[in-house]
PDB file of N, CA and C in Angstrom:
ATOM      1  N   MET A   1       0.838  -1.175   0.000  1.00  0.00           N
ATOM      2  CA  MET A   1       0.000   0.000   0.000  1.00  0.00           C
ATOM      3  C   MET A   1       0.883   1.239   0.000  1.00  0.00           C
ATOM      4  N   SER A   2       0.422   2.254  -0.663  1.00  0.00           N
ATOM      5  CA  SER A   2       1.157   3.503  -0.762  1.00  0.00           C
ATOM      6  C   SER A   2       1.107   4.269   0.555  1.00  0.00           C
ATOM      7  N   GLU A   3       2.176   4.986   0.848  1.00  0.00           N
ATOM      8  CA  GLU A   3       2.174   5.812   2.052  1.00  0.00           C
ATOM      9  C   GLU A   3       1.265   7.027   1.876  1.00  0.00           C
ATOM     10  N   LEU A   4       0.782   7.242   0.658  1.00  0.00           N
ATOM     11  CA  LEU A   4      -0.122   8.354   0.389  1.00  0.00           C
ATOM     12  C   LEU A   4      -1.584   7.960   0.524  1.00  0.00           C
ATOM     13  N   THR A   5      -1.826   6.707   0.901  1.00  0.00           N
ATOM     14  CA  THR A   5      -3.186   6.192   1.036  1.00  0.00           C
ATOM     15  C   THR A   5      -3.359   5.620   2.426  1.00  0.00           C
ATOM     16  N   ALA A   6      -4.527   5.829   3.005  1.00  0.00           N
ATOM     17  CA  ALA A   6      -4.818   5.292   4.333  1.00  0.00           C
ATOM     18  C   ALA A   6      -6.007   4.345   4.233  1.00  0.00           C
ATOM     19  N   ILE A   7      -5.946   3.255   5.002  1.00  0.00           N
ATOM     20  CA  ILE A   7      -7.067   2.320   5.102  1.00  0.00           C
ATOM     21  C   ILE A   7      -7.538   2.324   6.544  1.00  0.00           C
ATOM     22  N   ILE A   8      -8.848   2.419   6.718  1.00  0.00           N
ATOM     23  CA  ILE A   8      -9.444   2.346   8.047  1.00  0.00           C
ATOM     24  C   ILE A   8     -10.396   1.164   8.043  1.00  0.00           C
ATOM     25  N   LEU A   9     -10.224   0.246   8.982  1.00  0.00           N
ATOM     26  CA  LEU A   9     -11.083  -0.924   9.106  1.00  0.00           C
ATOM     27  C   LEU A   9     -11.870  -0.812  10.403  1.00  0.00           C
ATOM     28  N   PHE A  10     -13.178  -1.031  10.306  1.00  0.00           N
ATOM     29  CA  PHE A  10     -14.021  -1.024  11.492  1.00  0.00           C
ATOM     30  C   PHE A  10     -15.147  -2.016  11.261  1.00  0.00           C
ATOM     31  N   ALA A  11     -15.179  -3.074  12.051  1.00  0.00           N
ATOM     32  CA  ALA A  11     -16.178  -4.136  11.892  1.00  0.00           C
ATOM     33  C   ALA A  11     -16.191  -4.575  10.434  1.00  0.00           C
ATOM     34  N   ASP A  12     -17.310  -4.384   9.745  1.00  0.00           N
ATOM     35  CA  ASP A  12     -17.351  -4.805   8.351  1.00  0.00           C
ATOM     36  C   ASP A  12     -17.233  -3.624   7.388  1.00  0.00           C
ATOM     37  N   ASP A  13     -16.841  -2.464   7.886  1.00  0.00           N
ATOM     38  CA  ASP A  13     -16.608  -1.298   7.028  1.00  0.00           C
ATOM     39  C   ASP A  13     -15.120  -1.149   6.762  1.00  0.00           C
ATOM     40  N   LYS A  14     -14.820  -0.804   5.534  1.00  0.00           N
ATOM     41  CA  LYS A  14     -13.448  -0.525   5.133  1.00  0.00           C
ATOM     42  C   LYS A  14     -13.451   0.798   4.392  1.00  0.00           C
ATOM     43  N   GLN A  15     -12.532   1.683   4.713  1.00  0.00           N
ATOM     44  CA  GLN A  15     -12.472   2.984   4.065  1.00  0.00           C
ATOM     45  C   GLN A  15     -11.060   3.234   3.573  1.00  0.00           C
ATOM     46  N   LEU A  16     -10.961   3.717   2.340  1.00  0.00           N
ATOM     47  CA  LEU A  16      -9.680   4.109   1.754  1.00  0.00           C
ATOM     48  C   LEU A  16      -9.700   5.610   1.535  1.00  0.00           C
ATOM     49  N   TYR A  17      -8.594   6.254   1.821  1.00  0.00           N
ATOM     50  CA  TYR A  17      -8.470   7.683   1.618  1.00  0.00           C
ATOM     51  C   TYR A  17      -7.164   7.973   0.904  1.00  0.00           C
ATOM     52  N   THR A  18      -7.196   8.916  -0.003  1.00  0.00           N
ATOM     53  CA  THR A  18      -5.975   9.406  -0.610  1.00  0.00           C
ATOM     54  C   THR A  18      -6.177  10.869  -0.965  1.00  0.00           C
ATOM     55  N   ALA A  19      -5.116  11.610  -1.063  1.00  0.00           N
ATOM     56  CA  ALA A  19      -5.190  13.028  -1.421  1.00  0.00           C
ATOM     57  C   ALA A  19      -4.365  13.247  -2.682  1.00  0.00           C
ATOM     58  N   VAL A  20      -4.960  13.944  -3.642  1.00  0.00           N
ATOM     59  CA  VAL A  20      -4.257  14.245  -4.885  1.00  0.00           C
ATOM     60  C   VAL A  20      -4.642  15.645  -5.343  1.00  0.00           C
ATOM     61  N   SER A  21      -3.747  16.260  -6.091  1.00  0.00           N
ATOM     62  CA  SER A  21      -4.090  17.536  -6.716  1.00  0.00           C
ATOM     63  C   SER A  21      -4.831  17.212  -8.018  1.00  0.00           C
ATOM     64  N   PRO A  22      -5.592  18.158  -8.545  1.00  0.00           N
ATOM     65  CA  PRO A  22      -6.374  17.886  -9.756  1.00  0.00           C
ATOM     66  C   PRO A  22      -5.545  17.359 -10.932  1.00  0.00           C
ATOM     67  N   ASP A  23      -4.315  17.803 -11.048  1.00  0.00           N
ATOM     68  CA  ASP A  23      -3.495  17.330 -12.168  1.00  0.00           C
ATOM     69  C   ASP A  23      -2.875  15.952 -11.910  1.00  0.00           C
ATOM     70  N   GLU A  24      -3.101  15.369 -10.741  1.00  0.00           N
ATOM     71  CA  GLU A  24      -2.581  14.036 -10.419  1.00  0.00           C
ATOM     72  C   GLU A  24      -3.700  13.015 -10.218  1.00  0.00           C
ATOM     73  N   ILE A  25      -4.886  13.303 -10.743  1.00  0.00           N
ATOM     74  CA  ILE A  25      -6.039  12.439 -10.494  1.00  0.00           C
ATOM     75  C   ILE A  25      -5.815  11.031 -11.026  1.00  0.00           C
ATOM     76  N   HIS A  26      -5.175  10.905 -12.184  1.00  0.00           N
ATOM     77  CA  HIS A  26      -4.945   9.576 -12.754  1.00  0.00           C
ATOM     78  C   HIS A  26      -4.088   8.727 -11.814  1.00  0.00           C
ATOM     79  N   GLY A  27      -3.038   9.310 -11.278  1.00  0.00           N
ATOM     80  CA  GLY A  27      -2.184   8.597 -10.325  1.00  0.00           C
ATOM     81  C   GLY A  27      -2.917   8.248  -9.044  1.00  0.00           C
ATOM     82  N   GLY A  28      -3.786   9.140  -8.589  1.00  0.00           N
ATOM     83  CA  GLY A  28      -4.586   8.874  -7.389  1.00  0.00           C
ATOM     84  C   GLY A  28      -5.544   7.718  -7.600  1.00  0.00           C
ATOM     85  N   ARG A  29      -6.173   7.672  -8.766  1.00  0.00           N
ATOM     86  CA  ARG A  29      -7.067   6.551  -9.090  1.00  0.00           C
ATOM     87  C   ARG A  29      -6.276   5.244  -9.128  1.00  0.00           C
ATOM     88  N   GLN A  30      -5.101   5.273  -9.728  1.00  0.00           N
ATOM     89  CA  GLN A  30      -4.276   4.064  -9.776  1.00  0.00           C
ATOM     90  C   GLN A  30      -3.909   3.592  -8.371  1.00  0.00           C
ATOM     91  N   ARG A  31      -3.537   4.526  -7.494  1.00  0.00           N
ATOM     92  CA  ARG A  31      -3.208   4.162  -6.109  1.00  0.00           C
ATOM     93  C   ARG A  31      -4.405   3.510  -5.438  1.00  0.00           C
ATOM     94  N   LEU A  32      -5.595   4.105  -5.620  1.00  0.00           N
ATOM     95  CA  LEU A  32      -6.798   3.521  -5.022  1.00  0.00           C
ATOM     96  C   LEU A  32      -7.061   2.120  -5.567  1.00  0.00           C
ATOM     97  N   MET A  33      -6.889   1.931  -6.866  1.00  0.00           N
ATOM     98  CA  MET A  33      -7.131   0.618  -7.463  1.00  0.00           C
ATOM     99  C   MET A  33      -6.138  -0.423  -6.920  1.00  0.00           C
ATOM    100  N   PHE A  34      -4.875  -0.042  -6.768  1.00  0.00           N
ATOM    101  CA  PHE A  34      -3.889  -0.960  -6.185  1.00  0.00           C
ATOM    102  C   PHE A  34      -4.258  -1.302  -4.745  1.00  0.00           C
ATOM    103  N   CYS A  35      -4.688  -0.298  -3.986  1.00  0.00           N
ATOM    104  CA  CYS A  35      -5.069  -0.537  -2.592  1.00  0.00           C
ATOM    105  C   CYS A  35      -6.332  -1.391  -2.498  1.00  0.00           C
ATOM    106  N   ILE A  36      -7.273  -1.178  -3.402  1.00  0.00           N
ATOM    107  CA  ILE A  36      -8.477  -2.010  -3.419  1.00  0.00           C
ATOM    108  C   ILE A  36      -8.108  -3.451  -3.719  1.00  0.00           C
ATOM    109  N   SER A  37      -7.184  -3.651  -4.636  1.00  0.00           N
ATOM    110  CA  SER A  37      -6.718  -5.007  -4.949  1.00  0.00           C
ATOM    111  C   SER A  37      -6.071  -5.647  -3.722  1.00  0.00           C
ATOM    112  N   ASP A  38      -5.226  -4.899  -3.028  1.00  0.00           N
ATOM    113  CA  ASP A  38      -4.601  -5.397  -1.792  1.00  0.00           C
ATOM    114  C   ASP A  38      -5.667  -5.712  -0.739  1.00  0.00           C
ATOM    115  N   LEU A  39      -6.665  -4.846  -0.629  1.00  0.00           N
ATOM    116  CA  LEU A  39      -7.736  -5.041   0.338  1.00  0.00           C
ATOM    117  C   LEU A  39      -8.549  -6.287  -0.004  1.00  0.00           C
ATOM    118  N   GLN A  40      -8.804  -6.513  -1.290  1.00  0.00           N
ATOM    119  CA  GLN A  40      -9.529  -7.716  -1.704  1.00  0.00           C
ATOM    120  C   GLN A  40      -8.744  -8.974  -1.331  1.00  0.00           C
ATOM    121  N   GLU A  41      -7.430  -8.940  -1.526  1.00  0.00           N
ATOM    122  CA  GLU A  41      -6.584 -10.078  -1.144  1.00  0.00           C
ATOM    123  C   GLU A  41      -6.628 -10.296   0.363  1.00  0.00           C
ATOM    124  N   TRP A  42      -6.565  -9.219   1.128  1.00  0.00           N
ATOM    125  CA  TRP A  42      -6.620  -9.314   2.582  1.00  0.00           C
ATOM    126  C   TRP A  42      -7.948  -9.924   3.006  1.00  0.00           C
ATOM    127  N   CYS A  43      -9.040  -9.439   2.416  1.00  0.00           N
ATOM    128  CA  CYS A  43     -10.367  -9.978   2.740  1.00  0.00           C
ATOM    129  C   CYS A  43     -10.436 -11.463   2.401  1.00  0.00           C
ATOM    130  N   ALA A  44      -9.968 -11.834   1.217  1.00  0.00           N
ATOM    131  CA  ALA A  44     -10.023 -13.232   0.781  1.00  0.00           C
ATOM    132  C   ALA A  44      -9.228 -14.137   1.719  1.00  0.00           C
ATOM    133  N   SER A  45      -8.100 -13.644   2.230  1.00  0.00           N
ATOM    134  CA  SER A  45      -7.283 -14.457   3.136  1.00  0.00           C
ATOM    135  C   SER A  45      -7.981 -14.699   4.478  1.00  0.00           C
ATOM    136  N   ARG A  46      -9.029 -13.919   4.740  1.00  0.00           N
ATOM    137  CA  ARG A  46      -9.805 -14.060   5.977  1.00  0.00           C
ATOM    138  C   ARG A  46     -11.239 -14.531   5.695  1.00  0.00           C
ATOM    139  N   ARG A  47     -11.407 -15.074   4.492  1.00  0.00           N
ATOM    140  CA  ARG A  47     -12.713 -15.574   4.042  1.00  0.00           C
ATOM    141  C   ARG A  47     -13.788 -14.496   4.065  1.00  0.00           C
ATOM    142  N   LEU A  48     -13.378 -13.299   3.732  1.00  0.00           N
ATOM    143  CA  LEU A  48     -14.293 -12.167   3.610  1.00  0.00           C
ATOM    144  C   LEU A  48     -14.339 -11.753   2.147  1.00  0.00           C
ATOM    145  N   GLN A  49     -15.303 -10.933   1.809  1.00  0.00           N
ATOM    146  CA  GLN A  49     -15.431 -10.488   0.426  1.00  0.00           C
ATOM    147  C   GLN A  49     -15.761  -9.006   0.400  1.00  0.00           C
ATOM    148  N   LEU A  50     -15.101  -8.290  -0.483  1.00  0.00           N
ATOM    149  CA  LEU A  50     -15.402  -6.883  -0.693  1.00  0.00           C
ATOM    150  C   LEU A  50     -16.600  -6.819  -1.641  1.00  0.00           C
ATOM    151  N   ASN A  51     -17.685  -6.205  -1.209  1.00  0.00           N
ATOM    152  CA  ASN A  51     -18.900  -6.130  -2.005  1.00  0.00           C
ATOM    153  C   ASN A  51     -18.851  -4.877  -2.872  1.00  0.00           C
ATOM    154  N   ALA A  52     -18.469  -5.056  -4.129  1.00  0.00           N
ATOM    155  CA  ALA A  52     -18.304  -3.915  -5.032  1.00  0.00           C
ATOM    156  C   ALA A  52     -19.608  -3.155  -5.240  1.00  0.00           C
ATOM    157  N   SER A  53     -20.745  -3.850  -5.194  1.00  0.00           N
ATOM    158  CA  SER A  53     -22.020  -3.172  -5.423  1.00  0.00           C
ATOM    159  C   SER A  53     -22.408  -2.253  -4.261  1.00  0.00           C
ATOM    160  N   LYS A  54     -21.780  -2.414  -3.106  1.00  0.00           N
ATOM    161  CA  LYS A  54     -22.045  -1.534  -1.965  1.00  0.00           C
ATOM    162  C   LYS A  54     -20.938  -0.496  -1.774  1.00  0.00           C
ATOM    163  N   THR A  55     -19.975  -0.512  -2.665  1.00  0.00           N
ATOM    164  CA  THR A  55     -18.845   0.409  -2.556  1.00  0.00           C
ATOM    165  C   THR A  55     -19.261   1.806  -2.984  1.00  0.00           C
ATOM    166  N   GLU A  56     -18.830   2.796  -2.229  1.00  0.00           N
ATOM    167  CA  GLU A  56     -19.126   4.190  -2.538  1.00  0.00           C
ATOM    168  C   GLU A  56     -17.829   4.946  -2.781  1.00  0.00           C
ATOM    169  N   LEU A  57     -17.916   5.950  -3.614  1.00  0.00           N
ATOM    170  CA  LEU A  57     -16.762   6.768  -3.974  1.00  0.00           C
ATOM    171  C   LEU A  57     -17.173   8.226  -3.887  1.00  0.00           C
ATOM    172  N   ILE A  58     -16.344   9.029  -3.267  1.00  0.00           N
ATOM    173  CA  ILE A  58     -16.642  10.466  -3.207  1.00  0.00           C
ATOM    174  C   ILE A  58     -15.347  11.243  -3.434  1.00  0.00           C
ATOM    175  N   TRP A  59     -15.446  12.261  -4.238  1.00  0.00           N
ATOM    176  CA  TRP A  59     -14.321  13.153  -4.503  1.00  0.00           C
ATOM    177  C   TRP A  59     -14.617  14.476  -3.806  1.00  0.00           C
ATOM    178  N   PHE A  60     -13.625  15.038  -3.160  1.00  0.00           N
ATOM    179  CA  PHE A  60     -13.753  16.349  -2.535  1.00  0.00           C
ATOM    180  C   PHE A  60     -12.848  17.321  -3.272  1.00  0.00           C
ATOM    181  N   GLY A  61     -13.307  18.510  -3.462  1.00  0.00           N
ATOM    182  CA  GLY A  61     -12.517  19.536  -4.126  1.00  0.00           C
ATOM    183  C   GLY A  61     -13.403  20.725  -4.429  1.00  0.00           C
ATOM    184  N   SER A  62     -12.816  21.723  -5.029  1.00  0.00           N
ATOM    185  CA  SER A  62     -13.612  22.892  -5.422  1.00  0.00           C
ATOM    186  C   SER A  62     -14.551  22.479  -6.554  1.00  0.00           C
ATOM    187  N   ARG A  63     -15.642  23.187  -6.700  1.00  0.00           N
ATOM    188  CA  ARG A  63     -16.581  22.872  -7.782  1.00  0.00           C
ATOM    189  C   ARG A  63     -15.891  22.947  -9.134  1.00  0.00           C
ATOM    190  N   THR A  64     -15.008  23.909  -9.295  1.00  0.00           N
ATOM    191  CA  THR A  64     -14.285  24.057 -10.554  1.00  0.00           C
ATOM    192  C   THR A  64     -13.431  22.832 -10.833  1.00  0.00           C
ATOM    193  N   SER A  65     -12.700  22.372  -9.829  1.00  0.00           N
ATOM    194  CA  SER A  65     -11.849  21.193 -10.005  1.00  0.00           C
ATOM    195  C   SER A  65     -12.669  19.944 -10.290  1.00  0.00           C
ATOM    196  N   LEU A  66     -13.780  19.773  -9.577  1.00  0.00           N
ATOM    197  CA  LEU A  66     -14.608  18.592  -9.768  1.00  0.00           C
ATOM    198  C   LEU A  66     -15.279  18.581 -11.140  1.00  0.00           C
ATOM    199  N   ARG A  67     -15.629  19.734 -11.656  1.00  0.00           N
ATOM    200  CA  ARG A  67     -16.243  19.806 -12.989  1.00  0.00           C
ATOM    201  C   ARG A  67     -15.261  19.404 -14.076  1.00  0.00           C
ATOM    202  N   ARG A  68     -13.971  19.568 -13.820  1.00  0.00           N
ATOM    203  CA  ARG A  68     -12.954  19.222 -14.812  1.00  0.00           C
ATOM    204  C   ARG A  68     -12.683  17.725 -14.907  1.00  0.00           C
ATOM    205  N   LEU A  69     -13.192  16.950 -13.942  1.00  0.00           N
ATOM    206  CA  LEU A  69     -12.971  15.505 -13.977  1.00  0.00           C
ATOM    207  C   LEU A  69     -13.779  14.871 -15.101  1.00  0.00           C
ATOM    208  N   SER A  70     -13.122  14.052 -15.891  1.00  0.00           N
ATOM    209  CA  SER A  70     -13.854  13.307 -16.915  1.00  0.00           C
ATOM    210  C   SER A  70     -14.576  12.146 -16.241  1.00  0.00           C
ATOM    211  N   LEU A  71     -15.539  11.572 -16.922  1.00  0.00           N
ATOM    212  CA  LEU A  71     -16.270  10.431 -16.375  1.00  0.00           C
ATOM    213  C   LEU A  71     -15.302   9.291 -16.072  1.00  0.00           C
ATOM    214  N   ALA A  72     -14.369   9.046 -16.978  1.00  0.00           N
ATOM    215  CA  ALA A  72     -13.395   7.962 -16.776  1.00  0.00           C
ATOM    216  C   ALA A  72     -12.525   8.221 -15.548  1.00  0.00           C
ATOM    217  N   ASP A  73     -12.159   9.485 -15.324  1.00  0.00           N
ATOM    218  CA  ASP A  73     -11.316   9.818 -14.173  1.00  0.00           C
ATOM    219  C   ASP A  73     -12.082   9.807 -12.861  1.00  0.00           C
ATOM    220  N   SER A  74     -13.392   9.967 -12.908  1.00  0.00           N
ATOM    221  CA  SER A  74     -14.154  10.094 -11.669  1.00  0.00           C
ATOM    222  C   SER A  74     -14.746   8.772 -11.181  1.00  0.00           C
ATOM    223  N   THR A  75     -14.587   7.683 -11.944  1.00  0.00           N
ATOM    224  CA  THR A  75     -15.147   6.388 -11.556  1.00  0.00           C
ATOM    225  C   THR A  75     -14.045   5.385 -11.249  1.00  0.00           C
ATOM    226  N   LEU A  76     -14.412   4.312 -10.568  1.00  0.00           N
ATOM    227  CA  LEU A  76     -13.517   3.181 -10.320  1.00  0.00           C
ATOM    228  C   LEU A  76     -14.239   1.918 -10.770  1.00  0.00           C
ATOM    229  N   THR A  77     -13.504   0.940 -11.252  1.00  0.00           N
ATOM    230  CA  THR A  77     -14.098  -0.340 -11.628  1.00  0.00           C
ATOM    231  C   THR A  77     -13.547  -1.408 -10.699  1.00  0.00           C
ATOM    232  N   ILE A  78     -14.455  -2.096 -10.030  1.00  0.00           N
ATOM    233  CA  ILE A  78     -14.083  -3.160  -9.095  1.00  0.00           C
ATOM    234  C   ILE A  78     -14.845  -4.406  -9.491  1.00  0.00           C
ATOM    235  N   ASP A  79     -14.136  -5.453  -9.867  1.00  0.00           N
ATOM    236  CA  ASP A  79     -14.777  -6.710 -10.282  1.00  0.00           C
ATOM    237  C   ASP A  79     -15.875  -6.475 -11.306  1.00  0.00           C
ATOM    238  N   SER A  80     -15.596  -5.713 -12.320  1.00  0.00           N
ATOM    239  CA  SER A  80     -16.504  -5.364 -13.419  1.00  0.00           C
ATOM    240  C   SER A  80     -17.685  -4.492 -12.987  1.00  0.00           C
ATOM    241  N   VAL A  81     -17.710  -4.024 -11.753  1.00  0.00           N
ATOM    242  CA  VAL A  81     -18.737  -3.080 -11.283  1.00  0.00           C
ATOM    243  C   VAL A  81     -18.141  -1.677 -11.366  1.00  0.00           C
ATOM    244  N   VAL A  82     -18.800  -0.806 -12.104  1.00  0.00           N
ATOM    245  CA  VAL A  82     -18.342   0.579 -12.213  1.00  0.00           C
ATOM    246  C   VAL A  82     -18.925   1.358 -11.041  1.00  0.00           C
ATOM    247  N   VAL A  83     -18.048   1.891 -10.213  1.00  0.00           N
ATOM    248  CA  VAL A  83     -18.464   2.662  -9.040  1.00  0.00           C
ATOM    249  C   VAL A  83     -18.485   4.131  -9.438  1.00  0.00           C
ATOM    250  N   GLN A  84     -19.691   4.689  -9.439  1.00  0.00           N
ATOM    251  CA  GLN A  84     -19.870   6.105  -9.772  1.00  0.00           C
ATOM    252  C   GLN A  84     -19.651   6.936  -8.520  1.00  0.00           C
ATOM    253  N   PRO A  85     -19.155   8.147  -8.666  1.00  0.00           N
ATOM    254  CA  PRO A  85     -18.988   8.992  -7.483  1.00  0.00           C
ATOM    255  C   PRO A  85     -20.332   9.408  -6.902  1.00  0.00           C
ATOM    256  N   THR A  86     -20.372   9.491  -5.578  1.00  0.00           N
ATOM    257  CA  THR A  86     -21.540   9.983  -4.858  1.00  0.00           C
ATOM    258  C   THR A  86     -21.484  11.496  -4.912  1.00  0.00           C
ATOM    259  N   GLU A  87     -22.608  12.117  -5.150  1.00  0.00           N
ATOM    260  CA  GLU A  87     -22.643  13.574  -5.158  1.00  0.00           C
ATOM    261  C   GLU A  87     -22.882  14.065  -3.745  1.00  0.00           C
ATOM    262  N   CYS A  88     -21.995  14.903  -3.258  1.00  0.00           N
ATOM    263  CA  CYS A  88     -22.112  15.377  -1.879  1.00  0.00           C
ATOM    264  C   CYS A  88     -22.926  16.658  -1.778  1.00  0.00           C
ATOM    265  N   CYS A  89     -22.906  17.457  -2.821  1.00  0.00           N
ATOM    266  CA  CYS A  89     -23.549  18.764  -2.736  1.00  0.00           C
ATOM    267  C   CYS A  89     -24.272  19.070  -4.039  1.00  0.00           C
ATOM    268  N   PRO A  90     -25.389  19.768  -3.953  1.00  0.00           N
ATOM    269  CA  PRO A  90     -26.101  20.152  -5.190  1.00  0.00           C
ATOM    270  C   PRO A  90     -25.375  21.221  -5.948  1.00  0.00           C
TER     271      PRO A  90
END
């Protein structure tokens, strides 16, 4: 796992966090995908499963920065499930 990413485990909840500048979004997505893969392996080794259909994704940033994200940059794919970002604000 990258030192730029944090994982928090609590009961059956798992949370990943990373911070990136708008021009590094591709690298941030890659870090998250690598960490999700590591997390899936960890879960499997404990006979647990990461439920991609219950996975949520949220991006924080200025409205201007968030509007610049392409659809491909703003989503994650986990086990063929495309995780769309949750909208936090209208």
